[in-house]
Amino acid sequence: MLFGALIRTVYDDWHPSFGNTSWLMPFWPHWHIVGIFILGVGSMLLGAVADDSAIQGGAGPAFFAAMCWTASTPTSCPKTHVICFTAG
C-alpha cells in the first residue's frame, strides 16, 4: 500500500499543473517537470546513495551485521551508579 502511495505521488508530482514551480528541459525529450518532483526524486536518489555508502564503508558493515554490541561488550557506565525508579 505504501508503494502504491509512492507511485501515485510520483505520478501526481510529474504533471505541470500540480505545483507552482516547473522546469522545461532544454534538451531532448523536452519534458515539463514540476519542482516538487525534482525535489522528491532527488532526495530519494540522495538517500539511496547515502545509505549505500553507509553500508559499504566506515562503520556501516559492523552495524548492519549486528556486530557492534554484544553481551560481552564493556560499557562506559559503571554498574555502581544505577538509578531505580519505582511507581507510586
C-alpha atoms as a PDB file:
ATOM      1  CA  MET A   1       0.000   0.000   0.000  1.00  0.00           C
ATOM      2  CA  LEU A   2       2.875   2.354   0.786  1.00  0.00           C
ATOM      3  CA  PHE A   3       4.486   1.564  -2.575  1.00  0.00           C
ATOM      4  CA  GLY A   4       1.175   2.389  -4.251  1.00  0.00           C
ATOM      5  CA  ALA A   5       1.149   5.760  -2.474  1.00  0.00           C
ATOM      6  CA  LEU A   6       4.706   6.377  -3.720  1.00  0.00           C
ATOM      7  CA  ILE A   7       3.703   5.622  -7.315  1.00  0.00           C
ATOM      8  CA  ARG A   8       0.622   7.849  -7.046  1.00  0.00           C
ATOM      9  CA  THR A   9       2.681  10.714  -5.579  1.00  0.00           C
ATOM     10  CA  VAL A  10       5.307  10.449  -8.312  1.00  0.00           C
ATOM     11  CA  TYR A  11       2.549  10.406 -10.930  1.00  0.00           C
ATOM     12  CA  ASP A  12       0.803  13.455  -9.435  1.00  0.00           C
ATOM     13  CA  ASP A  13       4.045  15.386  -8.940  1.00  0.00           C
ATOM     14  CA  TRP A  14       5.056  14.884 -12.567  1.00  0.00           C
ATOM     15  CA  HIS A  15       2.250  16.982 -14.103  1.00  0.00           C
ATOM     16  CA  PRO A  16       2.967  20.742 -14.517  1.00  0.00           C
ATOM     17  CA  SER A  17      -0.475  21.674 -13.200  1.00  0.00           C
ATOM     18  CA  PHE A  18       0.394  20.272  -9.744  1.00  0.00           C
ATOM     19  CA  GLY A  19       2.869  22.846  -8.419  1.00  0.00           C
ATOM     20  CA  ASN A  20       3.810  26.493  -8.703  1.00  0.00           C
ATOM     21  CA  THR A  21       7.342  25.885  -9.987  1.00  0.00           C
ATOM     22  CA  SER A  22       8.345  23.906 -13.032  1.00  0.00           C
ATOM     23  CA  TRP A  23      11.290  23.304 -15.320  1.00  0.00           C
ATOM     24  CA  LEU A  24      11.191  22.826 -19.082  1.00  0.00           C
ATOM     25  CA  MET A  25      14.092  20.597 -20.104  1.00  0.00           C
ATOM     26  CA  PRO A  26      16.100  22.468 -22.776  1.00  0.00           C
ATOM     27  CA  PHE A  27      17.288  19.173 -24.276  1.00  0.00           C
ATOM     28  CA  TRP A  28      15.537  16.079 -25.588  1.00  0.00           C
ATOM     29  CA  PRO A  29      12.900  14.873 -24.523  1.00  0.00           C
ATOM     30  CA  HIS A  30      11.843  18.460 -23.566  1.00  0.00           C
ATOM     31  CA  TRP A  31       9.715  17.382 -20.591  1.00  0.00           C
ATOM     32  CA  HIS A  32       7.976  19.930 -18.401  1.00  0.00           C
ATOM     33  CA  ILE A  33       8.761  18.823 -14.827  1.00  0.00           C
ATOM     34  CA  VAL A  34       7.319  20.244 -11.591  1.00  0.00           C
ATOM     35  CA  GLY A  35       9.798  21.442  -8.949  1.00  0.00           C
ATOM     36  CA  ILE A  36       8.381  19.202  -6.213  1.00  0.00           C
ATOM     37  CA  PHE A  37       9.014  16.174  -8.434  1.00  0.00           C
ATOM     38  CA  ILE A  38      12.670  17.179  -8.776  1.00  0.00           C
ATOM     39  CA  LEU A  39      12.956  17.624  -5.004  1.00  0.00           C
ATOM     40  CA  GLY A  40      11.232  14.319  -4.246  1.00  0.00           C
ATOM     41  CA  VAL A  41      13.114  12.158  -6.713  1.00  0.00           C
ATOM     42  CA  GLY A  42      16.389  13.957  -5.957  1.00  0.00           C
ATOM     43  CA  SER A  43      16.028  13.327  -2.232  1.00  0.00           C
ATOM     44  CA  MET A  44      15.233   9.638  -2.851  1.00  0.00           C
ATOM     45  CA  LEU A  45      18.338   9.273  -5.013  1.00  0.00           C
ATOM     46  CA  LEU A  46      20.497  11.126  -2.479  1.00  0.00           C
ATOM     47  CA  GLY A  47      19.133   8.915   0.288  1.00  0.00           C
ATOM     48  CA  ALA A  48      19.893   5.766  -1.693  1.00  0.00           C
ATOM     49  CA  VAL A  49      23.479   6.912  -2.313  1.00  0.00           C
ATOM     50  CA  ALA A  50      23.964   7.858   1.349  1.00  0.00           C
ATOM     51  CA  ASP A  51      22.510   4.550   2.521  1.00  0.00           C
ATOM     52  CA  ASP A  52      24.729   2.580   0.156  1.00  0.00           C
ATOM     53  CA  SER A  53      27.846   4.453   1.253  1.00  0.00           C
ATOM     54  CA  ALA A  54      26.947   3.885   4.924  1.00  0.00           C
ATOM     55  CA  ILE A  55      26.628   0.152   4.325  1.00  0.00           C
ATOM     56  CA  GLN A  56      29.755  -0.186   2.178  1.00  0.00           C
ATOM     57  CA  GLY A  57      32.216   1.972   4.095  1.00  0.00           C
ATOM     58  CA  GLY A  58      33.026   3.369   7.509  1.00  0.00           C
ATOM     59  CA  ALA A  59      31.293   1.793  10.485  1.00  0.00           C
ATOM     60  CA  GLY A  60      28.474   0.538   8.326  1.00  0.00           C
ATOM     61  CA  PRO A  61      29.388  -3.132   7.857  1.00  0.00           C
ATOM     62  CA  ALA A  62      29.689  -3.836  11.585  1.00  0.00           C
ATOM     63  CA  PHE A  63      26.447  -2.048  12.358  1.00  0.00           C
ATOM     64  CA  PHE A  64      24.422  -3.780   9.663  1.00  0.00           C
ATOM     65  CA  ALA A  65      25.901  -7.169  10.574  1.00  0.00           C
ATOM     66  CA  ALA A  66      24.785  -6.635  14.222  1.00  0.00           C
ATOM     67  CA  MET A  67      28.368  -6.907  15.474  1.00  0.00           C
ATOM     68  CA  CYS A  68      28.517  -3.581  17.347  1.00  0.00           C
ATOM     69  CA  TRP A  69      27.312  -4.546  20.816  1.00  0.00           C
ATOM     70  CA  THR A  70      27.156  -7.971  22.327  1.00  0.00           C
ATOM     71  CA  ALA A  71      26.600  -9.194  25.882  1.00  0.00           C
ATOM     72  CA  SER A  72      30.369  -9.134  26.453  1.00  0.00           C
ATOM     73  CA  THR A  73      30.868  -5.544  25.238  1.00  0.00           C
ATOM     74  CA  PRO A  74      32.201  -3.372  28.074  1.00  0.00           C
ATOM     75  CA  THR A  75      30.052  -0.391  28.982  1.00  0.00           C
ATOM     76  CA  SER A  76      31.263   3.106  29.820  1.00  0.00           C
ATOM     77  CA  CYS A  77      28.769   3.439  32.679  1.00  0.00           C
ATOM     78  CA  PRO A  78      29.844   1.723  35.918  1.00  0.00           C
ATOM     79  CA  LYS A  79      27.247  -0.537  37.447  1.00  0.00           C
ATOM     80  CA  THR A  80      27.550   1.205  40.829  1.00  0.00           C
ATOM     81  CA  HIS A  81      25.625   4.197  39.539  1.00  0.00           C
ATOM     82  CA  VAL A  82      22.301   2.513  38.872  1.00  0.00           C
ATOM     83  CA  ILE A  83      19.215   4.666  39.299  1.00  0.00           C
ATOM     84  CA  CYS A  84      15.956   2.912  40.024  1.00  0.00           C
ATOM     85  CA  PHE A  85      12.537   4.446  39.585  1.00  0.00           C
ATOM     86  CA  THR A  86       9.578   2.967  41.372  1.00  0.00           C
ATOM     87  CA  ALA A  87       5.954   3.570  40.578  1.00  0.00           C
ATOM     88  CA  GLY A  88       3.855   5.180  43.255  1.00  0.00           C
END
